[in-house]
Protein backbone atom coordinates (compact mmCIF):
# COMPACT_ATOMS: atom_id res chain seq x y z
CA MET A 1 -33.35 -32.37 -47.03
CA GLN A 2 -31.60 -30.52 -44.27
CA THR A 3 -32.85 -31.11 -40.75
CA GLU A 4 -34.40 -28.16 -38.95
CA SER A 5 -31.44 -27.92 -36.55
CA GLN A 6 -28.98 -27.82 -39.45
CA LYS A 7 -30.96 -25.03 -41.15
CA LEU A 8 -31.00 -22.85 -38.05
CA PRO A 9 -28.38 -20.11 -37.75
CA VAL A 10 -26.12 -20.29 -34.72
CA GLU A 11 -28.04 -17.58 -32.87
CA SER A 12 -31.24 -19.65 -33.20
CA GLN A 13 -29.70 -22.78 -31.69
CA LYS A 14 -29.77 -21.37 -28.15
CA LEU A 15 -30.42 -24.04 -25.56
CA SER A 16 -33.28 -23.74 -23.09
CA VAL A 17 -32.66 -23.75 -19.35
CA VAL A 18 -34.57 -27.04 -19.13
CA GLU A 19 -32.19 -28.70 -21.59
CA LYS A 20 -29.12 -27.27 -19.86
CA VAL A 21 -30.30 -28.47 -16.46
CA GLY A 22 -31.34 -31.83 -17.91
CA TYR A 23 -27.91 -32.26 -19.46
CA GLY A 24 -26.22 -31.20 -16.22
CA LEU A 25 -28.15 -33.79 -14.22
CA GLY A 26 -26.31 -36.48 -16.20
CA ASP A 27 -23.04 -35.37 -14.66
CA ALA A 28 -24.72 -35.02 -11.28
CA SER A 29 -25.61 -38.70 -11.60
CA ALA A 30 -22.09 -39.70 -12.61
CA ASN A 31 -20.60 -37.60 -9.81
CA LEU A 32 -22.66 -39.25 -7.12
CA ILE A 33 -20.34 -42.20 -7.79
CA PHE A 34 -17.32 -40.44 -9.27
CA GLN A 35 -16.86 -38.23 -6.20
CA VAL A 36 -17.15 -41.23 -3.90
CA MET A 37 -14.45 -43.00 -5.89
CA MET A 38 -12.25 -39.91 -5.86
CA ILE A 39 -12.36 -39.39 -2.12
CA LEU A 40 -13.22 -42.78 -0.62
CA GLN A 41 -12.27 -45.61 -3.01
CA MET A 42 -8.74 -45.98 -1.66
CA ILE A 43 -9.70 -45.74 2.01
CA PHE A 44 -12.61 -48.15 1.34
CA TYR A 45 -10.23 -50.71 -0.16
CA THR A 46 -7.68 -50.36 2.66
CA ASP A 47 -9.86 -49.81 5.75
CA ALA A 48 -13.16 -51.57 4.93
CA PHE A 49 -12.62 -54.04 2.10
CA GLY A 50 -9.30 -55.23 3.51
CA ILE A 51 -6.57 -55.02 0.85
CA THR A 52 -3.23 -53.23 1.09
CA PRO A 53 -2.53 -49.78 -0.40
CA LEU A 54 -0.06 -51.39 -2.81
CA ALA A 55 -2.63 -53.97 -4.02
CA ALA A 56 -5.24 -51.22 -4.44
CA GLY A 57 -2.75 -49.07 -6.34
CA ILE A 58 -1.88 -51.93 -8.71
CA LEU A 59 -5.60 -52.58 -9.29
CA LEU A 60 -6.18 -48.96 -10.31
CA GLY A 61 -3.16 -49.11 -12.62
CA VAL A 62 -4.26 -52.34 -14.33
CA ALA A 63 -7.73 -50.90 -14.90
CA ARG A 64 -6.14 -48.05 -16.85
CA ILE A 65 -4.52 -50.51 -19.26
CA TRP A 66 -7.97 -51.89 -20.09
CA ASP A 67 -9.35 -48.36 -20.43
CA GLY A 68 -6.58 -47.56 -22.87
CA ILE A 69 -7.93 -50.33 -25.09
CA PHE A 70 -11.66 -49.83 -24.61
CA ASP A 71 -12.12 -46.03 -24.61
CA PRO A 72 -11.04 -45.43 -28.23
CA VAL A 73 -13.09 -48.45 -29.31
CA MET A 74 -16.14 -46.98 -27.57
CA GLY A 75 -15.50 -43.66 -29.29
CA LEU A 76 -15.50 -45.35 -32.68
CA ILE A 77 -18.69 -47.25 -31.81
CA ALA A 78 -20.49 -44.10 -30.61
CA ASP A 79 -19.54 -42.11 -33.72
CA ARG A 80 -20.96 -44.91 -35.87
CA THR A 81 -24.18 -45.35 -33.85
CA ASN A 82 -27.28 -44.23 -35.74
CA THR A 83 -30.72 -44.34 -34.11
CA ARG A 84 -33.85 -42.22 -34.16
CA TRP A 85 -32.61 -40.74 -30.86
CA GLY A 86 -29.23 -39.76 -32.30
CA LYS A 87 -25.71 -41.11 -31.87
CA PHE A 88 -24.99 -40.39 -28.23
CA ARG A 89 -28.25 -40.05 -26.26
CA PRO A 90 -29.19 -43.75 -26.59
CA TRP A 91 -26.07 -44.82 -24.72
CA ILE A 92 -27.12 -42.74 -21.71
CA LEU A 93 -30.42 -44.66 -21.63
CA TRP A 94 -28.94 -48.12 -22.28
CA THR A 95 -26.27 -47.86 -19.58
CA ALA A 96 -28.19 -46.11 -16.79
CA ILE A 97 -29.17 -49.22 -14.83
CA PRO A 98 -25.89 -51.15 -15.41
CA PHE A 99 -23.99 -48.04 -14.21
CA GLY A 100 -25.85 -48.02 -10.89
CA VAL A 101 -25.58 -51.77 -10.37
CA MET A 102 -21.83 -51.90 -11.03
CA ALA A 103 -21.21 -48.89 -8.80
CA PHE A 104 -22.98 -50.68 -5.95
CA LEU A 105 -20.96 -53.86 -6.50
CA CYS A 106 -17.69 -51.87 -6.37
CA PHE A 107 -18.42 -50.92 -2.74
CA TYR A 108 -19.88 -54.25 -1.65
CA THR A 109 -17.67 -56.45 0.55
CA PRO A 110 -18.25 -60.18 -0.03
CA LYS A 111 -17.27 -62.82 2.51
CA PHE A 112 -14.45 -64.23 0.39
CA SER A 113 -10.86 -65.19 1.13
CA ASN A 114 -8.19 -62.53 0.61
CA VAL A 115 -7.47 -63.87 -2.88
CA GLY A 116 -11.19 -64.10 -3.67
CA LYS A 117 -11.77 -60.52 -2.52
CA LEU A 118 -8.91 -59.22 -4.63
CA LEU A 119 -10.28 -61.03 -7.68
CA TYR A 120 -13.76 -59.63 -6.92
CA ALA A 121 -12.30 -56.12 -6.67
CA TYR A 122 -10.66 -56.48 -10.09
CA ILE A 123 -13.84 -57.77 -11.76
CA THR A 124 -16.16 -55.17 -10.27
CA TYR A 125 -13.86 -52.16 -10.63
CA ILE A 126 -12.87 -52.92 -14.23
CA GLY A 127 -16.49 -53.79 -15.01
CA PHE A 128 -17.66 -50.47 -13.60
CA MET A 129 -15.06 -48.47 -15.52
CA THR A 130 -16.16 -50.23 -18.73
CA ILE A 131 -19.79 -49.22 -18.15
CA TYR A 132 -18.55 -45.74 -17.20
CA SER A 133 -16.95 -45.45 -20.66
CA MET A 134 -20.09 -46.65 -22.40
CA ASN A 135 -22.09 -44.01 -20.51
CA ASN A 136 -19.87 -41.01 -19.92
CA LEU A 137 -18.09 -40.88 -23.25
CA PRO A 138 -21.30 -40.48 -25.32
CA TYR A 139 -22.64 -38.16 -22.60
CA SER A 140 -19.58 -35.93 -22.93
CA ALA A 141 -19.71 -36.02 -26.75
CA LEU A 142 -23.35 -34.91 -26.58
CA SER A 143 -22.19 -31.43 -25.53
CA GLY A 144 -20.28 -31.16 -28.80
CA VAL A 145 -23.40 -31.73 -30.93
CA ALA A 146 -26.06 -29.96 -28.84
CA THR A 147 -25.29 -26.51 -30.30
CA SER A 148 -22.81 -24.66 -32.51
CA ASP A 149 -22.90 -21.51 -30.40
CA ILE A 150 -19.57 -21.15 -28.54
CA GLY A 151 -21.13 -19.06 -25.76
CA ASP A 152 -23.88 -21.57 -25.20
CA ARG A 153 -21.30 -24.36 -25.11
CA THR A 154 -19.52 -22.68 -22.24
CA SER A 155 -22.90 -22.10 -20.57
CA LEU A 156 -23.85 -25.77 -21.08
CA SER A 157 -20.56 -26.85 -19.54
CA SER A 158 -21.16 -24.47 -16.64
CA TYR A 159 -24.56 -26.06 -15.98
CA ARG A 160 -22.91 -29.47 -16.21
CA GLN A 161 -20.19 -28.58 -13.74
CA THR A 162 -22.59 -26.82 -11.36
CA CYS A 163 -24.79 -29.93 -11.23
CA ALA A 164 -21.69 -32.08 -10.79
CA MET A 165 -20.50 -29.93 -7.90
CA LEU A 166 -23.94 -29.95 -6.26
CA ALA A 167 -23.77 -33.74 -6.39
CA GLY A 168 -20.30 -33.39 -4.93
CA VAL A 169 -21.73 -31.34 -2.06
CA VAL A 170 -24.11 -34.21 -1.32
CA VAL A 171 -21.38 -36.84 -1.54
CA GLN A 172 -18.64 -35.01 0.31
CA GLY A 173 -21.05 -33.64 2.86
CA LEU A 174 -22.93 -36.86 3.55
CA ALA A 175 -20.93 -39.87 2.33
CA MET A 176 -18.73 -40.38 5.37
CA PRO A 177 -21.51 -39.53 7.86
CA LEU A 178 -23.87 -41.92 6.03
CA VAL A 179 -21.24 -44.67 6.12
CA ALA A 180 -20.89 -44.09 9.87
CA HIS A 181 -24.68 -43.99 10.34
CA PHE A 182 -25.60 -47.08 8.34
CA GLY A 183 -22.62 -49.01 9.66
CA LYS A 184 -23.23 -48.27 13.36
CA ARG A 185 -23.65 -51.38 15.50
CA LEU A 186 -25.62 -51.63 18.74
CA ASP A 187 -22.38 -51.44 20.76
CA GLY A 188 -21.48 -48.11 19.13
CA THR A 189 -18.73 -49.46 16.84
CA VAL A 190 -18.93 -49.01 13.07
CA ASP A 191 -19.13 -51.75 10.43
CA LYS A 192 -17.62 -49.76 7.57
CA ALA A 193 -18.35 -52.41 4.94
CA LEU A 194 -22.07 -52.33 5.81
CA GLY A 195 -22.06 -48.54 5.85
CA TYR A 196 -20.54 -48.31 2.38
CA LYS A 197 -23.02 -50.83 0.98
CA TRP A 198 -26.07 -48.83 2.05
CA THR A 199 -24.60 -45.45 1.17
CA ILE A 200 -23.59 -46.40 -2.37
CA GLY A 201 -26.89 -48.22 -2.85
CA ILE A 202 -28.80 -44.99 -2.21
CA PHE A 203 -26.54 -42.93 -4.48
CA SER A 204 -26.82 -45.52 -7.26
CA ILE A 205 -30.63 -45.50 -7.28
CA ILE A 206 -30.72 -41.69 -7.45
CA GLY A 207 -28.13 -41.74 -10.24
CA ILE A 208 -30.16 -44.10 -12.43
CA PHE A 209 -33.18 -41.80 -12.17
CA LEU A 210 -31.12 -38.71 -13.13
CA PHE A 211 -29.72 -40.42 -16.25
CA PHE A 212 -33.27 -41.03 -17.46
CA ILE A 213 -34.01 -37.30 -17.09
CA THR A 214 -30.91 -36.42 -19.14
CA PHE A 215 -32.00 -38.72 -21.96
CA ILE A 216 -35.52 -37.23 -22.04
CA THR A 217 -34.55 -33.54 -21.98
CA THR A 218 -31.62 -33.34 -24.41
CA LYS A 219 -31.31 -33.19 -28.20
CA GLU A 220 -28.58 -33.64 -30.84
CA ARG A 221 -28.41 -30.84 -33.44
CA ILE A 222 -25.01 -30.96 -35.15
CA LYS A 223 -24.61 -33.78 -37.63
CA PRO A 224 -21.64 -34.69 -39.84
CA ASP A 225 -21.73 -34.28 -43.60
CA PRO A 226 -23.84 -37.23 -44.85
CA LYS A 227 -21.31 -37.68 -47.65
CA GLN A 228 -18.49 -38.01 -45.11
CA LYS A 229 -16.52 -41.22 -45.49
CA THR A 230 -14.04 -42.08 -42.76
CA SER A 231 -12.17 -45.13 -41.59
CA VAL A 232 -10.81 -46.09 -38.20
CA GLY A 233 -7.31 -45.34 -39.43
CA GLN A 234 -8.40 -41.92 -40.71
CA ASP A 235 -10.05 -41.04 -37.39
CA PHE A 236 -6.83 -41.78 -35.48
CA ALA A 237 -4.69 -40.04 -38.08
CA ASP A 238 -6.83 -36.90 -37.71
CA LEU A 239 -6.34 -36.99 -33.94
CA LEU A 240 -2.59 -37.25 -34.14
CA LYS A 241 -2.47 -34.22 -36.47
CA ASN A 242 -4.68 -32.22 -34.10
CA GLY A 243 -2.24 -30.24 -31.95
CA PRO A 244 -4.88 -28.70 -29.61
CA TRP A 245 -6.31 -32.19 -29.00
CA ILE A 246 -2.88 -33.50 -27.98
CA ILE A 247 -2.51 -30.61 -25.52
CA LEU A 248 -5.96 -31.24 -24.01
CA PHE A 249 -5.32 -34.97 -23.79
CA LEU A 250 -2.12 -34.47 -21.80
CA LEU A 251 -3.69 -31.69 -19.72
CA THR A 252 -6.62 -33.94 -18.79
CA ILE A 253 -4.26 -36.69 -17.64
CA PHE A 254 -2.31 -34.34 -15.38
CA ILE A 255 -5.42 -32.67 -13.96
CA PHE A 256 -7.06 -35.94 -12.96
CA ILE A 257 -3.83 -37.45 -11.65
CA THR A 258 -3.85 -34.53 -9.25
CA LEU A 259 -7.54 -34.72 -8.34
CA ALA A 260 -7.40 -38.47 -7.68
CA MET A 261 -4.12 -38.37 -5.77
CA ARG A 262 -5.14 -35.50 -3.51
CA GLY A 263 -8.85 -36.29 -3.37
CA GLY A 264 -8.13 -39.79 -2.11
CA ASP A 265 -5.71 -38.46 0.49
CA ILE A 266 -7.82 -35.85 2.29
CA ALA A 267 -9.84 -38.48 4.16
CA TYR A 268 -6.55 -39.82 5.57
CA LEU A 269 -5.54 -36.28 6.56
CA PHE A 270 -8.68 -35.89 8.68
CA THR A 271 -8.63 -39.45 10.00
CA TYR A 272 -4.98 -39.68 11.03
CA TYR A 273 -3.25 -36.26 10.99
CA PHE A 274 -5.51 -33.48 12.20
CA ASP A 275 -6.07 -33.20 15.95
CA LYS A 276 -9.54 -34.43 16.94
CA GLY A 277 -9.93 -31.59 19.44
CA ALA A 278 -9.27 -29.07 16.64
CA GLU A 279 -11.76 -30.87 14.39
CA LEU A 280 -14.36 -30.79 17.19
CA ALA A 281 -13.70 -27.06 17.63
CA VAL A 282 -14.53 -26.54 13.93
CA LEU A 283 -17.86 -28.30 14.42
CA GLN A 284 -18.62 -26.24 17.51
CA SER A 285 -17.65 -22.86 16.06
CA SER A 286 -19.55 -23.52 12.82
CA ARG A 287 -22.70 -24.36 14.89
CA LEU A 288 -22.97 -27.62 12.96
CA LEU A 289 -22.50 -29.74 16.07
CA SER A 290 -25.45 -28.17 17.88
CA VAL A 291 -27.65 -28.72 14.81
CA LEU A 292 -26.60 -32.36 14.55
CA GLN A 293 -27.24 -32.88 18.25
CA PHE A 294 -30.65 -31.19 18.01
CA LEU A 295 -31.55 -33.58 15.19
CA HIS A 296 -30.22 -36.51 17.27
CA ILE A 297 -27.76 -37.38 14.50
CA VAL A 298 -24.81 -36.98 16.88
CA SER A 299 -24.90 -37.69 20.61
CA ALA A 300 -24.12 -35.16 23.33
CA GLU A 301 -20.65 -36.69 23.52
CA PRO A 302 -19.67 -37.24 19.84
CA ASN A 303 -17.34 -40.14 19.22
CA GLU A 304 -14.19 -39.99 17.12
CA THR A 305 -15.89 -41.37 14.01
CA ASP A 306 -18.57 -38.64 14.14
CA ILE A 307 -15.95 -35.93 14.65
CA ILE A 308 -13.86 -37.11 11.70
CA SER A 309 -16.86 -37.59 9.41
CA TRP A 310 -18.50 -34.24 10.02
CA SER A 311 -15.32 -32.12 10.14
CA PHE A 312 -14.34 -33.72 6.83
CA SER A 313 -17.79 -32.75 5.56
CA VAL A 314 -17.32 -29.11 6.60
CA PHE A 315 -13.99 -29.02 4.76
CA SER A 316 -15.38 -30.70 1.64
CA VAL A 317 -18.71 -28.90 1.38
CA SER A 318 -17.23 -25.45 1.95
CA GLY A 319 -14.70 -26.19 -0.79
CA LEU A 320 -17.44 -27.34 -3.15
CA ILE A 321 -19.49 -24.20 -2.51
CA ALA A 322 -16.41 -22.18 -3.47
CA THR A 323 -16.06 -24.38 -6.57
CA ILE A 324 -19.64 -23.61 -7.59
CA LEU A 325 -18.94 -19.88 -7.22
CA GLY A 326 -15.89 -20.36 -9.44
CA ILE A 327 -18.00 -22.21 -12.03
CA ILE A 328 -20.56 -19.41 -12.04
CA SER A 329 -17.71 -16.93 -12.60
CA SER A 330 -16.06 -19.03 -15.29
CA LYS A 331 -18.00 -17.59 -18.23
CA TRP A 332 -17.14 -14.05 -17.08
CA PHE A 333 -13.42 -14.87 -17.03
CA ALA A 334 -13.65 -16.74 -20.37
CA ILE A 335 -15.36 -13.82 -22.13
CA ARG A 336 -12.78 -11.33 -20.94
CA MET A 337 -9.62 -13.45 -21.06
CA GLY A 338 -10.46 -16.28 -23.44
CA LYS A 339 -10.84 -19.89 -22.31
CA ARG A 340 -7.14 -20.68 -22.36
CA ASN A 341 -6.01 -17.71 -20.25
CA ALA A 342 -8.85 -18.21 -17.76
CA PHE A 343 -7.78 -21.85 -17.43
CA ILE A 344 -4.18 -20.80 -16.77
CA LEU A 345 -5.32 -18.37 -14.06
CA GLY A 346 -7.36 -21.04 -12.31
CA LEU A 347 -4.66 -23.74 -12.40
CA ALA A 348 -1.95 -21.36 -11.22
CA THR A 349 -4.12 -20.26 -8.29
CA ILE A 350 -4.66 -23.84 -7.13
CA THR A 351 -0.99 -24.78 -7.53
CA ILE A 352 0.15 -21.89 -5.37
CA LEU A 353 -2.46 -22.47 -2.62
CA TRP A 354 -1.97 -26.21 -2.24
CA VAL A 355 1.73 -26.08 -1.34
CA PRO A 356 1.15 -24.51 2.14
CA PHE A 357 -0.92 -27.56 3.17
CA TYR A 358 2.32 -29.40 3.86
CA PHE A 359 3.26 -26.89 6.57
CA LEU A 360 -0.04 -26.97 8.45
CA THR A 361 0.14 -28.22 12.02
CA PRO A 362 -2.31 -30.88 13.33
CA THR A 363 -4.41 -28.16 14.98
CA ALA A 364 -4.63 -25.95 11.86
CA VAL A 365 -8.00 -27.24 10.63
CA TRP A 366 -9.50 -23.79 10.05
CA PRO A 367 -6.48 -22.57 8.00
CA ALA A 368 -6.84 -25.73 5.91
CA ILE A 369 -10.50 -24.89 5.24
CA ILE A 370 -9.65 -21.29 4.27
CA LEU A 371 -6.88 -22.37 1.88
CA GLN A 372 -9.26 -24.91 0.38
CA LEU A 373 -11.92 -22.24 -0.21
CA PHE A 374 -9.66 -20.07 -2.36
CA ALA A 375 -8.05 -23.01 -4.15
CA GLN A 376 -11.43 -24.51 -5.02
CA PHE A 377 -12.66 -21.19 -6.39
CA GLY A 378 -9.72 -21.36 -8.79
CA TYR A 379 -10.62 -24.92 -9.70
CA GLY A 380 -14.21 -23.85 -10.33
CA ILE A 381 -13.03 -21.41 -12.99
CA THR A 382 -11.34 -24.25 -14.87
CA ALA A 383 -14.04 -26.93 -14.51
CA PRO A 384 -16.45 -25.89 -17.32
CA LEU A 385 -13.63 -24.79 -19.61
CA LEU A 386 -12.13 -28.25 -20.08
CA TRP A 387 -15.34 -29.66 -21.57
CA ALA A 388 -16.10 -26.55 -23.63
CA MET A 389 -12.56 -26.69 -25.05
CA MET A 390 -13.03 -30.36 -25.98
CA ALA A 391 -15.99 -29.35 -28.16
CA ASP A 392 -13.80 -26.61 -29.68
CA VAL A 393 -11.18 -29.23 -30.49
CA ALA A 394 -13.81 -31.36 -32.27
CA ASP A 395 -14.73 -28.27 -34.29
CA TYR A 396 -11.07 -27.62 -35.02
CA SER A 397 -10.69 -31.12 -36.46
CA GLU A 398 -13.77 -30.67 -38.67
CA TRP A 399 -12.57 -27.19 -39.70
CA MET A 400 -9.14 -28.46 -40.72
CA THR A 401 -10.08 -31.81 -42.31
CA GLY A 402 -13.72 -31.48 -43.40
CA ARG A 403 -14.50 -34.61 -41.34
CA ARG A 404 -16.29 -34.68 -37.97
CA ALA A 405 -15.74 -37.44 -35.42
CA THR A 406 -16.98 -35.99 -32.14
CA ALA A 407 -16.96 -39.08 -29.94
CA ILE A 408 -13.42 -40.20 -30.81
CA VAL A 409 -12.16 -36.73 -29.86
CA PHE A 410 -13.96 -36.95 -26.52
CA ALA A 411 -13.06 -40.64 -26.14
CA ALA A 412 -9.37 -39.99 -26.08
CA VAL A 413 -9.78 -37.15 -23.59
CA VAL A 414 -12.18 -39.18 -21.41
CA PHE A 415 -9.52 -41.88 -21.47
CA GLY A 416 -7.10 -39.20 -20.27
CA LEU A 417 -9.54 -38.42 -17.47
CA LYS A 418 -9.80 -42.05 -16.40
CA ALA A 419 -6.10 -42.67 -16.91
CA GLY A 420 -5.40 -39.70 -14.68
CA ILE A 421 -7.79 -41.00 -12.01
CA GLY A 422 -6.21 -44.45 -12.15
CA VAL A 423 -2.62 -43.23 -12.19
CA GLY A 424 -3.35 -40.65 -9.50
CA GLY A 425 -5.05 -43.25 -7.32
CA ALA A 426 -2.22 -45.70 -7.92
CA ILE A 427 0.40 -43.08 -7.08
CA GLY A 428 -1.52 -42.20 -3.92
CA GLY A 429 -1.62 -45.86 -2.89
CA TRP A 430 2.06 -46.40 -3.68
CA ILE A 431 3.02 -43.27 -1.72
CA LEU A 432 1.06 -44.41 1.33
CA GLY A 433 2.64 -47.86 1.11
CA HIS A 434 6.11 -46.41 0.61
CA TYR A 435 5.79 -44.18 3.67
CA GLY A 436 4.58 -47.07 5.84
CA TYR A 437 0.82 -46.51 6.15
CA MET A 438 -1.02 -49.15 8.22
CA ALA A 439 -4.82 -49.27 8.19
CA ASN A 440 -6.91 -48.44 11.28
CA VAL A 441 -3.99 -47.72 13.62
CA ALA A 442 -2.13 -44.61 14.77
CA GLN A 443 0.32 -43.68 12.01
CA SER A 444 4.09 -43.33 12.30
CA GLU A 445 5.69 -39.92 11.79
CA ARG A 446 6.97 -41.10 8.40
CA ALA A 447 3.48 -42.19 7.30
CA LEU A 448 2.08 -38.81 8.34
CA ILE A 449 4.70 -37.08 6.18
CA GLY A 450 3.52 -39.17 3.23
CA ILE A 451 -0.10 -38.17 3.90
CA ARG A 452 0.86 -34.48 4.11
CA LEU A 453 2.95 -34.58 0.93
CA THR A 454 0.09 -36.21 -0.97
CA ALA A 455 -2.24 -33.40 0.11
CA SER A 456 0.13 -30.59 -0.90
CA ILE A 457 3.37 -30.64 -2.86
CA PHE A 458 2.95 -33.86 -4.86
CA PRO A 459 -0.42 -32.91 -6.42
CA ALA A 460 0.75 -29.33 -7.07
CA ILE A 461 3.39 -30.62 -9.50
CA PRO A 462 1.00 -32.00 -12.19
CA PHE A 463 -1.07 -28.80 -12.05
CA GLY A 464 2.10 -26.78 -12.61
CA ILE A 465 2.81 -28.92 -15.68
CA GLY A 466 -0.75 -28.21 -16.83
CA VAL A 467 -0.05 -24.46 -16.82
CA ILE A 468 2.93 -25.04 -19.11
CA LEU A 469 0.84 -27.18 -21.47
CA LEU A 470 -1.84 -24.49 -21.76
CA LEU A 471 0.74 -21.98 -22.91
CA LEU A 472 1.14 -24.20 -26.00
CA TYR A 473 -2.63 -24.41 -26.74
CA LYS A 474 -3.34 -22.29 -29.83
CA ILE A 475 -7.16 -22.07 -30.07
CA ASN A 476 -7.75 -18.52 -28.86
CA LYS A 477 -10.92 -16.44 -28.92
CA PRO A 478 -10.49 -15.04 -32.48
CA MET A 479 -9.93 -18.57 -33.81
CA GLU A 480 -13.05 -19.84 -31.99
CA LEU A 481 -15.20 -17.20 -33.70
CA GLN A 482 -13.63 -17.88 -37.09
CA MET A 483 -14.26 -21.63 -36.78
CA GLN A 484 -17.84 -21.09 -35.64
CA ASN A 485 -18.71 -18.82 -38.56
CA GLU A 486 -16.98 -20.87 -41.25
CA LEU A 487 -18.39 -24.19 -40.04
CA THR A 488 -21.90 -22.72 -39.86
CA GLU A 489 -21.69 -21.68 -43.51
CA ARG A 490 -20.25 -25.04 -44.51
CA ARG A 491 -23.01 -27.00 -42.72
CA LYS A 492 -25.70 -25.04 -44.55
CA GLN A 493 -24.62 -26.88 -47.69
CA TYR A 494 -25.20 -30.35 -46.24
CA LYS A 495 -28.19 -32.22 -47.64
CA TYR A 496 -29.92 -34.94 -45.62
């Protein structure tokens, strides 16, 4: 017999707000760690853990080689998982606690020799990224089987990205201040390693709890034809014939190269480039300093660490608020322009607005914040569209071949995400090393140029390439509707 969800017409498969929020909390959980890794992993490794930018960059690159092997394997495993809870939801439950534990270990600094610490960093980082695949790949694929309705898919992705950005507000607003708070010694100096340990420990515990909520509140509705017979070779052959998938795979790599490269650099920009008097002026004019002093979080005479931490938070949180506004607007742009054209608009906006960062003077903290606001609004438009388009690509494969393999489609793109993060982080580390960065000291003029380039022109290049790739993406709005209607009729014939 057909399952109830398979019998329902598309218009009856609307998702409740509870399910959308529950699904979104899964990405909020992942982003409590993901955002920390994006913005602080490199500076943690160089300034707290104690390895060089080059060694950290090589580590991130090596981890991508392993991901290239494991991600497709995990996609195949997830597609072939069959439980009473579905194919993908069980993995969210099974990996919740290991995810939090491995995240904590990635930011823990053991008392080992330099060689021992480097080996520890390899084991914990690669171990975490493996658990990340086992968790996030099925989580992402879940959005492709939650509903057939293309509008609700975009809405579901918007909830996901909104929750992710709210988690980002917490991380980018509080991570550095929490590191400074928990790491503060009696003499006023900061033990960064201790600060990171406590901060990530708190985020990890919260993340585990949120994953449990996602598992409880979500449901899988779209199922493949029970008569479908596929092999590993067939799954990969279908991918390589799927032109839109190839475009999204490459686009994902370039997007996350940019986000990792630039995201990991901004902390250096505030720590070493921007004038501390200008950063203090931002805190004073935004009234944040008086609030922090009233709450006794910052003393009457804030030290340099407090100034850097909280001015960085103002920059990051204001940008994330703009991102959330962009996410909320994303569906409006997608309905009127189509997903592809809305994506192009958002990427082009960011590319244009990042270039001027190179020309900012050390005192131009407010102009940096204003540029970031508009650029992040553009990014917010694109954020839900990537995941909604991945589900469209899975539909496209089923529409063209008669076979559905949701997780392998998402696996390859999630690999692109992680490859982009690793390559972007590695490039950022190599750039810093090339330009002569030295940890915890005043930087040379050449090193400051490297920091500025990595916050502006270098990351704008991959986004520009992304715009070109999207011009080649052929799933437009009429094709989306055609696929939705034809697949709905086809699925009505399945018998379970």
